[in-house]
Amino acid sequence: MKKSLGAKTIAYPTPVFVIGTYDSEGKPNMMTASWSGICSSKPACIAVALRSATYSHGSIFERKAFTINIPSDSYVRETDYIGIVSGKNSDKFSATKLTPVKSDLVDAPLVMEFPISIECRLLHVLDLGLHTQFIGEILDVKADESVLADNDYPDIEKVKPLIFAPGSRTYHGIGEFIGKAFSIGKEIATPEES
């Protein structure tokens, strides 16, 4: 039997993204966010929800752009730090020894050391209460060649992304391959359903 837990922000897994922005002075900043995900295929869009109290919140409004950078699990310490201090008072790039890279498409920095960076133009904003959802149109995805599979898509086992468990407030790595999407379910489907 399932036990009611109430209205809580629990979904498994949630991604661990590092959002890149420039502040009003042009200083590169980044913050960790997990209330995020792909929200449209055409146009290709990704959404991230940030509290209005965050320093990055105002920067996205001002610059109309942001990047989403996917850290590998070897950067868990830096990623956590990026999420617990404010860019208003700290230079997170300097403290973590990570490198901001100017995007050639949007007014927001990429994180050089992270294997995947997604360049987004702000498309929509939705006020949700404590959080504001920023929907970015994906203009480009840049991936280190070392994490690409033969089909030129990132290989999740090479990227080694972090995931976040909201209930326990813990970071985790990815698990092993279990099955091929849009395929393994065909074992249940009848011939008429296939």
N, C-alpha and C. Protein backbone atom coordinates (compact mmCIF):
# COMPACT_ATOMS: atom_id res chain seq x y z
N MET A 1 0.84 -1.18 0.00
CA MET A 1 0.00 0.00 0.00
C MET A 1 0.89 1.25 0.00
N LYS A 2 0.48 2.27 -0.73
CA LYS A 2 1.24 3.51 -0.79
C LYS A 2 0.82 4.45 0.33
N LYS A 3 1.81 5.12 0.91
CA LYS A 3 1.57 6.08 1.98
C LYS A 3 1.58 7.49 1.40
N SER A 4 0.63 8.32 1.77
CA SER A 4 0.58 9.70 1.31
C SER A 4 1.70 10.50 1.98
N LEU A 5 2.48 11.21 1.17
CA LEU A 5 3.56 12.06 1.68
C LEU A 5 3.19 13.54 1.61
N GLY A 6 2.06 13.86 1.01
CA GLY A 6 1.65 15.25 0.88
C GLY A 6 2.26 15.90 -0.34
N ALA A 7 1.94 17.17 -0.53
CA ALA A 7 2.45 17.93 -1.68
C ALA A 7 3.89 18.33 -1.42
N LYS A 8 4.81 17.56 -1.96
CA LYS A 8 6.25 17.80 -1.75
C LYS A 8 6.97 17.84 -3.09
N THR A 9 8.12 18.45 -3.13
CA THR A 9 8.93 18.52 -4.36
C THR A 9 9.80 17.28 -4.45
N ILE A 10 9.14 16.15 -4.70
CA ILE A 10 9.86 14.89 -4.81
C ILE A 10 9.56 14.28 -6.18
N ALA A 11 10.60 14.10 -6.96
CA ALA A 11 10.54 13.38 -8.23
C ALA A 11 11.92 12.78 -8.41
N TYR A 12 11.97 11.56 -8.90
CA TYR A 12 13.28 10.91 -9.05
C TYR A 12 13.52 10.48 -10.47
N PRO A 13 14.71 10.71 -11.00
CA PRO A 13 15.72 11.60 -10.45
C PRO A 13 15.46 13.03 -10.90
N THR A 14 16.16 13.97 -10.32
CA THR A 14 16.17 15.33 -10.84
C THR A 14 17.60 15.59 -11.33
N PRO A 15 17.72 16.32 -12.43
CA PRO A 15 19.06 16.57 -12.96
C PRO A 15 19.82 17.56 -12.09
N VAL A 16 21.11 17.56 -12.22
CA VAL A 16 21.94 18.58 -11.58
C VAL A 16 22.54 19.39 -12.72
N PHE A 17 22.03 20.61 -12.86
CA PHE A 17 22.49 21.52 -13.89
C PHE A 17 23.19 22.71 -13.25
N VAL A 18 24.16 23.26 -13.95
CA VAL A 18 24.81 24.49 -13.52
C VAL A 18 24.44 25.55 -14.56
N ILE A 19 23.74 26.57 -14.09
CA ILE A 19 23.23 27.62 -14.96
C ILE A 19 24.27 28.73 -15.05
N GLY A 20 24.65 29.08 -16.27
CA GLY A 20 25.64 30.13 -16.50
C GLY A 20 24.98 31.43 -16.92
N THR A 21 25.40 32.54 -16.30
CA THR A 21 24.88 33.87 -16.63
C THR A 21 26.00 34.90 -16.49
N TYR A 22 25.75 36.08 -17.06
CA TYR A 22 26.58 37.25 -16.78
C TYR A 22 25.74 38.20 -15.95
N ASP A 23 26.36 38.85 -14.95
CA ASP A 23 25.61 39.84 -14.17
C ASP A 23 25.62 41.18 -14.91
N SER A 24 25.05 42.21 -14.31
CA SER A 24 24.93 43.51 -14.97
C SER A 24 26.28 44.16 -15.25
N GLU A 25 27.31 43.74 -14.53
CA GLU A 25 28.67 44.26 -14.75
C GLU A 25 29.46 43.42 -15.76
N GLY A 26 28.86 42.33 -16.23
CA GLY A 26 29.54 41.45 -17.18
C GLY A 26 30.35 40.36 -16.51
N LYS A 27 30.24 40.22 -15.18
CA LYS A 27 30.96 39.17 -14.46
C LYS A 27 30.27 37.82 -14.69
N PRO A 28 31.03 36.79 -15.09
CA PRO A 28 30.43 35.47 -15.27
C PRO A 28 30.03 34.87 -13.92
N ASN A 29 28.89 34.25 -13.90
CA ASN A 29 28.37 33.63 -12.68
C ASN A 29 27.76 32.29 -13.05
N MET A 30 27.55 31.47 -12.04
CA MET A 30 26.90 30.17 -12.24
C MET A 30 26.20 29.79 -10.95
N MET A 31 25.15 28.98 -11.10
CA MET A 31 24.43 28.46 -9.94
C MET A 31 23.96 27.05 -10.25
N THR A 32 23.82 26.25 -9.22
CA THR A 32 23.33 24.88 -9.37
C THR A 32 21.82 24.89 -9.25
N ALA A 33 21.16 24.15 -10.14
CA ALA A 33 19.70 24.07 -10.13
C ALA A 33 19.27 22.65 -10.51
N SER A 34 18.23 22.18 -9.85
CA SER A 34 17.71 20.85 -10.17
C SER A 34 16.25 20.86 -10.62
N TRP A 35 15.57 21.97 -10.47
CA TRP A 35 14.18 22.01 -10.92
C TRP A 35 14.21 22.37 -12.41
N SER A 36 14.53 21.38 -13.26
CA SER A 36 14.85 21.63 -14.66
C SER A 36 14.52 20.43 -15.53
N GLY A 37 14.46 20.68 -16.84
CA GLY A 37 14.32 19.58 -17.78
C GLY A 37 13.88 20.03 -19.16
N ILE A 38 14.03 19.13 -20.13
CA ILE A 38 13.56 19.37 -21.50
C ILE A 38 12.05 19.56 -21.45
N CYS A 39 11.54 20.56 -22.17
CA CYS A 39 10.09 20.81 -22.13
C CYS A 39 9.45 20.90 -23.51
N SER A 40 10.24 20.89 -24.58
CA SER A 40 9.69 20.90 -25.93
C SER A 40 10.72 20.34 -26.90
N SER A 41 10.22 19.61 -27.90
CA SER A 41 11.10 19.09 -28.94
C SER A 41 11.24 20.05 -30.11
N LYS A 42 10.13 20.75 -30.44
CA LYS A 42 10.16 21.65 -31.58
C LYS A 42 9.34 22.88 -31.24
N PRO A 43 9.92 24.03 -30.97
CA PRO A 43 11.36 24.22 -30.97
C PRO A 43 12.00 23.52 -29.78
N ALA A 44 13.25 23.17 -29.92
CA ALA A 44 13.97 22.52 -28.83
C ALA A 44 14.07 23.49 -27.66
N CYS A 45 13.50 23.11 -26.52
CA CYS A 45 13.48 24.00 -25.35
C CYS A 45 13.79 23.23 -24.08
N ILE A 46 14.34 23.95 -23.13
CA ILE A 46 14.63 23.41 -21.81
C ILE A 46 14.17 24.44 -20.78
N ALA A 47 13.68 23.97 -19.66
CA ALA A 47 13.16 24.86 -18.62
C ALA A 47 13.98 24.71 -17.35
N VAL A 48 14.12 25.81 -16.65
CA VAL A 48 14.76 25.79 -15.34
C VAL A 48 13.98 26.74 -14.44
N ALA A 49 13.72 26.31 -13.22
CA ALA A 49 12.98 27.12 -12.27
C ALA A 49 13.95 27.60 -11.18
N LEU A 50 13.99 28.93 -10.99
CA LEU A 50 14.87 29.53 -10.01
C LEU A 50 14.07 30.40 -9.05
N ARG A 51 14.51 30.45 -7.81
CA ARG A 51 13.90 31.37 -6.85
C ARG A 51 14.29 32.79 -7.22
N SER A 52 13.37 33.73 -7.01
CA SER A 52 13.66 35.12 -7.37
C SER A 52 14.78 35.71 -6.52
N ALA A 53 15.05 35.09 -5.38
CA ALA A 53 16.11 35.58 -4.49
C ALA A 53 17.51 35.27 -5.02
N THR A 54 17.62 34.41 -6.02
CA THR A 54 18.95 34.06 -6.52
C THR A 54 19.51 35.19 -7.38
N TYR A 55 20.81 35.29 -7.40
CA TYR A 55 21.50 36.33 -8.18
C TYR A 55 21.31 36.08 -9.67
N SER A 56 21.27 34.82 -10.07
CA SER A 56 21.12 34.46 -11.48
C SER A 56 19.76 34.86 -12.03
N HIS A 57 18.75 34.87 -11.19
CA HIS A 57 17.38 35.20 -11.60
C HIS A 57 17.35 36.53 -12.35
N GLY A 58 17.89 37.57 -11.75
CA GLY A 58 17.90 38.90 -12.37
C GLY A 58 18.76 38.94 -13.62
N SER A 59 19.85 38.17 -13.63
CA SER A 59 20.74 38.16 -14.78
C SER A 59 20.06 37.56 -16.01
N ILE A 60 19.25 36.54 -15.82
CA ILE A 60 18.54 35.94 -16.96
C ILE A 60 17.54 36.95 -17.53
N PHE A 61 16.82 37.66 -16.66
CA PHE A 61 15.89 38.69 -17.12
C PHE A 61 16.64 39.76 -17.92
N GLU A 62 17.77 40.20 -17.40
CA GLU A 62 18.52 41.29 -18.02
C GLU A 62 19.15 40.89 -19.35
N ARG A 63 19.79 39.72 -19.38
CA ARG A 63 20.55 39.29 -20.57
C ARG A 63 19.72 38.49 -21.57
N LYS A 64 18.54 38.01 -21.14
CA LYS A 64 17.65 37.23 -22.01
C LYS A 64 18.33 35.96 -22.53
N ALA A 65 19.20 35.41 -21.70
CA ALA A 65 19.96 34.23 -22.11
C ALA A 65 20.52 33.53 -20.88
N PHE A 66 20.82 32.25 -21.04
CA PHE A 66 21.51 31.48 -20.01
C PHE A 66 22.08 30.23 -20.67
N THR A 67 23.00 29.60 -19.98
CA THR A 67 23.50 28.30 -20.42
C THR A 67 23.18 27.28 -19.34
N ILE A 68 23.03 26.06 -19.78
CA ILE A 68 22.90 24.94 -18.85
C ILE A 68 24.11 24.07 -19.09
N ASN A 69 24.87 23.86 -18.04
CA ASN A 69 26.11 23.09 -18.11
C ASN A 69 25.92 21.84 -17.26
N ILE A 70 26.28 20.71 -17.83
CA ILE A 70 26.09 19.44 -17.14
C ILE A 70 27.43 18.96 -16.60
N PRO A 71 27.57 19.00 -15.27
CA PRO A 71 28.84 18.55 -14.68
C PRO A 71 28.92 17.02 -14.63
N SER A 72 30.11 16.50 -14.74
CA SER A 72 30.31 15.07 -14.50
C SER A 72 30.45 14.85 -13.00
N ASP A 73 30.31 13.60 -12.58
CA ASP A 73 30.33 13.30 -11.15
C ASP A 73 31.67 13.64 -10.48
N SER A 74 32.72 13.80 -11.25
CA SER A 74 34.01 14.17 -10.66
C SER A 74 34.02 15.63 -10.17
N TYR A 75 32.99 16.40 -10.53
CA TYR A 75 32.89 17.80 -10.09
C TYR A 75 31.80 17.99 -9.05
N VAL A 76 31.48 16.97 -8.28
CA VAL A 76 30.41 17.07 -7.30
C VAL A 76 30.70 18.13 -6.23
N ARG A 77 31.92 18.22 -5.77
CA ARG A 77 32.28 19.19 -4.73
C ARG A 77 32.10 20.62 -5.24
N GLU A 78 32.61 20.89 -6.43
CA GLU A 78 32.48 22.22 -7.02
C GLU A 78 31.00 22.54 -7.30
N THR A 79 30.27 21.56 -7.81
CA THR A 79 28.86 21.77 -8.13
C THR A 79 28.06 22.11 -6.88
N ASP A 80 28.34 21.45 -5.78
CA ASP A 80 27.64 21.74 -4.53
C ASP A 80 27.98 23.16 -4.05
N TYR A 81 29.25 23.51 -4.10
CA TYR A 81 29.67 24.86 -3.71
C TYR A 81 28.94 25.92 -4.54
N ILE A 82 28.86 25.69 -5.85
CA ILE A 82 28.21 26.62 -6.76
C ILE A 82 26.75 26.86 -6.35
N GLY A 83 26.15 25.86 -5.72
CA GLY A 83 24.76 25.97 -5.30
C GLY A 83 24.54 26.54 -3.91
N ILE A 84 25.60 26.67 -3.12
CA ILE A 84 25.39 27.12 -1.73
C ILE A 84 25.91 28.52 -1.44
N VAL A 85 26.61 29.14 -2.38
CA VAL A 85 27.05 30.52 -2.19
C VAL A 85 26.45 31.39 -3.28
N SER A 86 26.32 32.68 -3.02
CA SER A 86 25.74 33.61 -3.98
C SER A 86 26.81 34.26 -4.83
N GLY A 87 26.53 34.36 -6.12
CA GLY A 87 27.43 35.07 -7.03
C GLY A 87 27.47 36.56 -6.76
N LYS A 88 26.52 37.05 -5.99
CA LYS A 88 26.51 38.47 -5.63
C LYS A 88 27.72 38.81 -4.77
N ASN A 89 28.12 37.84 -3.92
CA ASN A 89 29.22 38.07 -2.98
C ASN A 89 30.49 37.27 -3.29
N SER A 90 30.40 36.34 -4.24
CA SER A 90 31.53 35.45 -4.50
C SER A 90 31.81 35.32 -5.99
N ASP A 91 33.08 35.10 -6.31
CA ASP A 91 33.46 34.77 -7.68
C ASP A 91 33.58 33.24 -7.72
N LYS A 92 32.52 32.59 -8.13
CA LYS A 92 32.46 31.12 -8.08
C LYS A 92 33.44 30.48 -9.05
N PHE A 93 33.68 31.12 -10.19
CA PHE A 93 34.65 30.56 -11.14
C PHE A 93 36.05 30.55 -10.52
N SER A 94 36.42 31.64 -9.90
CA SER A 94 37.74 31.73 -9.27
C SER A 94 37.86 30.72 -8.13
N ALA A 95 36.84 30.66 -7.28
CA ALA A 95 36.90 29.76 -6.11
C ALA A 95 36.98 28.29 -6.51
N THR A 96 36.30 27.91 -7.58
CA THR A 96 36.28 26.50 -7.99
C THR A 96 37.37 26.16 -9.00
N LYS A 97 38.05 27.19 -9.49
CA LYS A 97 39.06 27.02 -10.53
C LYS A 97 38.47 26.47 -11.84
N LEU A 98 37.18 26.76 -12.05
CA LEU A 98 36.53 26.42 -13.31
C LEU A 98 36.69 27.60 -14.26
N THR A 99 36.53 27.36 -15.55
CA THR A 99 36.83 28.36 -16.56
C THR A 99 35.57 28.80 -17.31
N PRO A 100 35.23 30.11 -17.24
CA PRO A 100 34.12 30.59 -18.05
C PRO A 100 34.56 30.76 -19.50
N VAL A 101 33.70 30.35 -20.42
CA VAL A 101 33.98 30.49 -21.85
C VAL A 101 32.85 31.29 -22.47
N LYS A 102 33.19 32.33 -23.20
CA LYS A 102 32.19 33.17 -23.84
C LYS A 102 31.48 32.38 -24.94
N SER A 103 30.17 32.37 -24.89
CA SER A 103 29.38 31.74 -25.93
C SER A 103 29.42 32.60 -27.19
N ASP A 104 29.38 31.97 -28.34
CA ASP A 104 29.30 32.72 -29.58
C ASP A 104 27.85 32.90 -30.03
N LEU A 105 26.89 32.37 -29.24
CA LEU A 105 25.49 32.45 -29.63
C LEU A 105 24.60 33.21 -28.65
N VAL A 106 24.91 33.15 -27.35
CA VAL A 106 24.07 33.78 -26.34
C VAL A 106 24.93 34.60 -25.38
N ASP A 107 24.29 35.48 -24.67
CA ASP A 107 24.98 36.36 -23.73
C ASP A 107 25.07 35.70 -22.35
N ALA A 108 25.77 34.58 -22.31
CA ALA A 108 25.95 33.80 -21.08
C ALA A 108 27.18 32.91 -21.25
N PRO A 109 27.89 32.62 -20.16
CA PRO A 109 29.11 31.81 -20.26
C PRO A 109 28.85 30.31 -20.21
N LEU A 110 29.74 29.57 -20.85
CA LEU A 110 29.79 28.11 -20.74
C LEU A 110 30.81 27.78 -19.67
N VAL A 111 30.74 26.56 -19.11
CA VAL A 111 31.76 26.08 -18.17
C VAL A 111 32.63 25.09 -18.93
N MET A 112 33.88 25.47 -19.19
CA MET A 112 34.77 24.68 -20.04
C MET A 112 34.94 23.25 -19.54
N GLU A 113 35.10 23.05 -18.25
CA GLU A 113 35.44 21.73 -17.72
C GLU A 113 34.27 20.74 -17.72
N PHE A 114 33.04 21.23 -17.85
CA PHE A 114 31.88 20.33 -17.83
C PHE A 114 31.65 19.78 -19.24
N PRO A 115 31.32 18.49 -19.37
CA PRO A 115 31.28 17.85 -20.68
C PRO A 115 30.19 18.32 -21.64
N ILE A 116 29.11 18.89 -21.11
CA ILE A 116 28.02 19.35 -21.98
C ILE A 116 27.60 20.75 -21.57
N SER A 117 27.42 21.62 -22.56
CA SER A 117 26.89 22.96 -22.34
C SER A 117 25.78 23.21 -23.35
N ILE A 118 24.67 23.77 -22.86
CA ILE A 118 23.50 24.04 -23.70
C ILE A 118 23.29 25.54 -23.71
N GLU A 119 23.32 26.14 -24.90
CA GLU A 119 23.17 27.58 -25.03
C GLU A 119 21.71 27.92 -25.31
N CYS A 120 21.14 28.78 -24.45
CA CYS A 120 19.70 29.06 -24.50
C CYS A 120 19.40 30.54 -24.61
N ARG A 121 18.45 30.84 -25.49
CA ARG A 121 17.88 32.18 -25.60
C ARG A 121 16.58 32.16 -24.83
N LEU A 122 16.37 33.13 -23.94
CA LEU A 122 15.15 33.16 -23.14
C LEU A 122 13.94 33.31 -24.05
N LEU A 123 13.00 32.38 -23.93
CA LEU A 123 11.82 32.35 -24.78
C LEU A 123 10.55 32.72 -24.02
N HIS A 124 10.39 32.17 -22.81
CA HIS A 124 9.20 32.42 -21.99
C HIS A 124 9.59 32.47 -20.52
N VAL A 125 8.78 33.19 -19.76
CA VAL A 125 8.95 33.28 -18.31
C VAL A 125 7.59 33.03 -17.68
N LEU A 126 7.55 32.17 -16.67
CA LEU A 126 6.31 31.87 -15.98
C LEU A 126 6.53 32.00 -14.48
N ASP A 127 5.79 32.89 -13.85
CA ASP A 127 5.88 33.06 -12.40
C ASP A 127 5.06 31.97 -11.74
N LEU A 128 5.71 31.15 -10.93
CA LEU A 128 5.05 30.01 -10.31
C LEU A 128 4.84 30.18 -8.81
N GLY A 129 5.23 31.29 -8.25
CA GLY A 129 5.17 31.48 -6.80
C GLY A 129 6.56 31.73 -6.29
N LEU A 130 7.08 30.81 -5.49
CA LEU A 130 8.45 30.96 -4.98
C LEU A 130 9.48 30.90 -6.11
N HIS A 131 9.15 30.16 -7.17
CA HIS A 131 10.07 30.00 -8.29
C HIS A 131 9.53 30.66 -9.55
N THR A 132 10.45 31.05 -10.42
CA THR A 132 10.13 31.52 -11.76
C THR A 132 10.68 30.48 -12.73
N GLN A 133 9.84 30.05 -13.64
CA GLN A 133 10.31 29.10 -14.65
C GLN A 133 10.77 29.87 -15.88
N PHE A 134 12.03 29.67 -16.23
CA PHE A 134 12.61 30.25 -17.44
C PHE A 134 12.66 29.17 -18.50
N ILE A 135 12.04 29.42 -19.62
CA ILE A 135 12.09 28.46 -20.73
C ILE A 135 13.04 29.03 -21.76
N GLY A 136 14.07 28.26 -22.04
CA GLY A 136 15.07 28.69 -23.00
C GLY A 136 14.99 27.88 -24.27
N GLU A 137 15.03 28.58 -25.40
CA GLU A 137 15.13 27.88 -26.68
C GLU A 137 16.58 27.45 -26.84
N ILE A 138 16.78 26.19 -27.09
CA ILE A 138 18.13 25.65 -27.25
C ILE A 138 18.65 26.03 -28.63
N LEU A 139 19.71 26.86 -28.64
CA LEU A 139 20.32 27.27 -29.90
C LEU A 139 21.43 26.33 -30.31
N ASP A 140 22.10 25.74 -29.32
CA ASP A 140 23.17 24.78 -29.62
C ASP A 140 23.49 23.98 -28.37
N VAL A 141 23.93 22.76 -28.58
CA VAL A 141 24.46 21.91 -27.52
C VAL A 141 25.91 21.66 -27.89
N LYS A 142 26.80 21.97 -26.96
CA LYS A 142 28.22 21.72 -27.20
C LYS A 142 28.66 20.61 -26.26
N ALA A 143 29.35 19.61 -26.81
CA ALA A 143 29.78 18.46 -26.02
C ALA A 143 31.25 18.17 -26.30
N ASP A 144 31.98 17.85 -25.23
CA ASP A 144 33.37 17.42 -25.40
C ASP A 144 33.38 16.16 -26.27
N GLU A 145 34.30 16.12 -27.22
CA GLU A 145 34.39 14.96 -28.10
C GLU A 145 34.62 13.68 -27.32
N SER A 146 35.26 13.77 -26.17
CA SER A 146 35.57 12.58 -25.37
C SER A 146 34.33 11.88 -24.81
N VAL A 147 33.17 12.57 -24.80
CA VAL A 147 31.95 11.95 -24.26
C VAL A 147 30.97 11.53 -25.36
N LEU A 148 31.36 11.68 -26.61
CA LEU A 148 30.46 11.34 -27.70
C LEU A 148 30.52 9.86 -28.05
N ALA A 149 29.35 9.32 -28.39
CA ALA A 149 29.26 7.94 -28.89
C ALA A 149 29.48 7.99 -30.40
N ASP A 150 29.43 6.83 -31.03
CA ASP A 150 29.66 6.74 -32.48
C ASP A 150 28.65 7.55 -33.29
N ASN A 151 27.45 7.78 -32.74
CA ASN A 151 26.41 8.52 -33.47
C ASN A 151 26.49 10.03 -33.23
N ASP A 152 27.55 10.49 -32.59
CA ASP A 152 27.76 11.91 -32.28
C ASP A 152 26.78 12.47 -31.26
N TYR A 153 26.14 11.60 -30.49
CA TYR A 153 25.34 12.02 -29.35
C TYR A 153 26.15 11.72 -28.09
N PRO A 154 25.97 12.50 -27.04
CA PRO A 154 26.69 12.20 -25.80
C PRO A 154 26.30 10.82 -25.26
N ASP A 155 27.27 10.11 -24.78
CA ASP A 155 27.09 8.80 -24.16
C ASP A 155 26.96 9.04 -22.66
N ILE A 156 25.82 8.71 -22.09
CA ILE A 156 25.56 9.00 -20.67
C ILE A 156 26.61 8.37 -19.75
N GLU A 157 27.14 7.22 -20.15
CA GLU A 157 28.14 6.55 -19.31
C GLU A 157 29.51 7.24 -19.40
N LYS A 158 29.73 8.02 -20.44
CA LYS A 158 30.95 8.82 -20.54
C LYS A 158 30.77 10.19 -19.88
N VAL A 159 29.57 10.76 -20.00
CA VAL A 159 29.28 12.05 -19.38
C VAL A 159 29.31 11.93 -17.86
N LYS A 160 28.77 10.84 -17.33
CA LYS A 160 28.68 10.59 -15.89
C LYS A 160 28.02 11.76 -15.16
N PRO A 161 26.77 12.12 -15.57
CA PRO A 161 26.11 13.25 -14.94
C PRO A 161 25.71 12.96 -13.50
N LEU A 162 25.55 14.02 -12.76
CA LEU A 162 25.05 13.91 -11.39
C LEU A 162 23.53 13.96 -11.41
N ILE A 163 22.91 13.27 -10.47
CA ILE A 163 21.48 13.42 -10.24
C ILE A 163 21.29 13.73 -8.77
N PHE A 164 20.16 14.36 -8.47
CA PHE A 164 19.87 14.83 -7.12
C PHE A 164 18.62 14.15 -6.60
N ALA A 165 18.67 13.69 -5.35
CA ALA A 165 17.52 13.10 -4.67
C ALA A 165 16.97 14.14 -3.70
N PRO A 166 15.84 14.79 -4.04
CA PRO A 166 15.33 15.87 -3.20
C PRO A 166 14.99 15.46 -1.77
N GLY A 167 14.41 14.29 -1.57
CA GLY A 167 14.01 13.88 -0.22
C GLY A 167 15.17 13.77 0.74
N SER A 168 16.27 13.16 0.29
CA SER A 168 17.44 12.97 1.15
C SER A 168 18.48 14.07 0.97
N ARG A 169 18.27 14.92 -0.05
CA ARG A 169 19.21 15.99 -0.38
C ARG A 169 20.62 15.43 -0.60
N THR A 170 20.69 14.42 -1.49
CA THR A 170 21.95 13.75 -1.79
C THR A 170 22.18 13.71 -3.30
N TYR A 171 23.46 13.65 -3.68
CA TYR A 171 23.85 13.51 -5.08
C TYR A 171 24.14 12.04 -5.36
N HIS A 172 23.88 11.64 -6.60
CA HIS A 172 24.13 10.27 -7.01
C HIS A 172 24.65 10.27 -8.44
N GLY A 173 25.31 9.18 -8.79
CA GLY A 173 25.71 8.97 -10.17
C GLY A 173 24.63 8.20 -10.88
N ILE A 174 24.85 7.91 -12.15
CA ILE A 174 23.87 7.15 -12.91
C ILE A 174 24.07 5.66 -12.69
N GLY A 175 23.05 4.91 -12.98
CA GLY A 175 23.13 3.46 -12.85
C GLY A 175 23.55 2.80 -14.16
N GLU A 176 23.45 1.50 -14.17
CA GLU A 176 23.85 0.73 -15.33
C GLU A 176 22.77 0.73 -16.40
N PHE A 177 23.12 0.37 -17.61
CA PHE A 177 22.18 0.23 -18.72
C PHE A 177 21.18 -0.88 -18.38
N ILE A 178 19.90 -0.60 -18.59
CA ILE A 178 18.85 -1.58 -18.28
C ILE A 178 18.13 -2.05 -19.53
N GLY A 179 17.86 -1.15 -20.45
CA GLY A 179 17.13 -1.53 -21.66
C GLY A 179 17.07 -0.38 -22.63
N LYS A 180 16.74 -0.67 -23.86
CA LYS A 180 16.66 0.31 -24.94
C LYS A 180 15.26 0.91 -24.98
N ALA A 181 15.18 2.25 -24.93
CA ALA A 181 13.90 2.95 -24.96
C ALA A 181 13.21 2.74 -26.31
N PHE A 182 11.89 2.75 -26.30
CA PHE A 182 11.06 2.54 -27.48
C PHE A 182 11.33 1.18 -28.12
N SER A 183 11.79 0.25 -27.32
CA SER A 183 12.11 -1.07 -27.84
C SER A 183 11.76 -2.16 -26.83
N ILE A 184 12.28 -2.06 -25.60
CA ILE A 184 12.09 -3.13 -24.62
C ILE A 184 10.61 -3.37 -24.30
N GLY A 185 9.78 -2.32 -24.38
CA GLY A 185 8.36 -2.44 -24.14
C GLY A 185 7.62 -3.23 -25.19
N LYS A 186 8.24 -3.38 -26.36
CA LYS A 186 7.62 -4.16 -27.44
C LYS A 186 7.45 -5.63 -27.06
N GLU A 187 8.19 -6.04 -26.03
CA GLU A 187 8.06 -7.43 -25.57
C GLU A 187 6.68 -7.69 -24.99
N ILE A 188 5.99 -6.62 -24.54
CA ILE A 188 4.64 -6.72 -23.98
C ILE A 188 3.58 -6.47 -25.03
N ALA A 189 3.90 -5.61 -25.99
CA ALA A 189 2.91 -5.18 -26.99
C ALA A 189 2.41 -6.34 -27.83
N THR A 190 1.11 -6.27 -28.15
CA THR A 190 0.53 -7.25 -29.07
C THR A 190 0.90 -6.84 -30.49
N PRO A 191 0.74 -7.72 -31.47
CA PRO A 191 1.06 -7.36 -32.87
C PRO A 191 0.27 -6.13 -33.35
N GLU A 192 -0.98 -5.99 -32.88
CA GLU A 192 -1.79 -4.84 -33.28
C GLU A 192 -1.25 -3.53 -32.69
N GLU A 193 -0.62 -3.60 -31.54
CA GLU A 193 -0.09 -2.40 -30.88
C GLU A 193 1.28 -1.98 -31.41
N SER A 194 1.97 -2.89 -32.04
CA SER A 194 3.34 -2.60 -32.50
C SER A 194 3.36 -1.79 -33.77
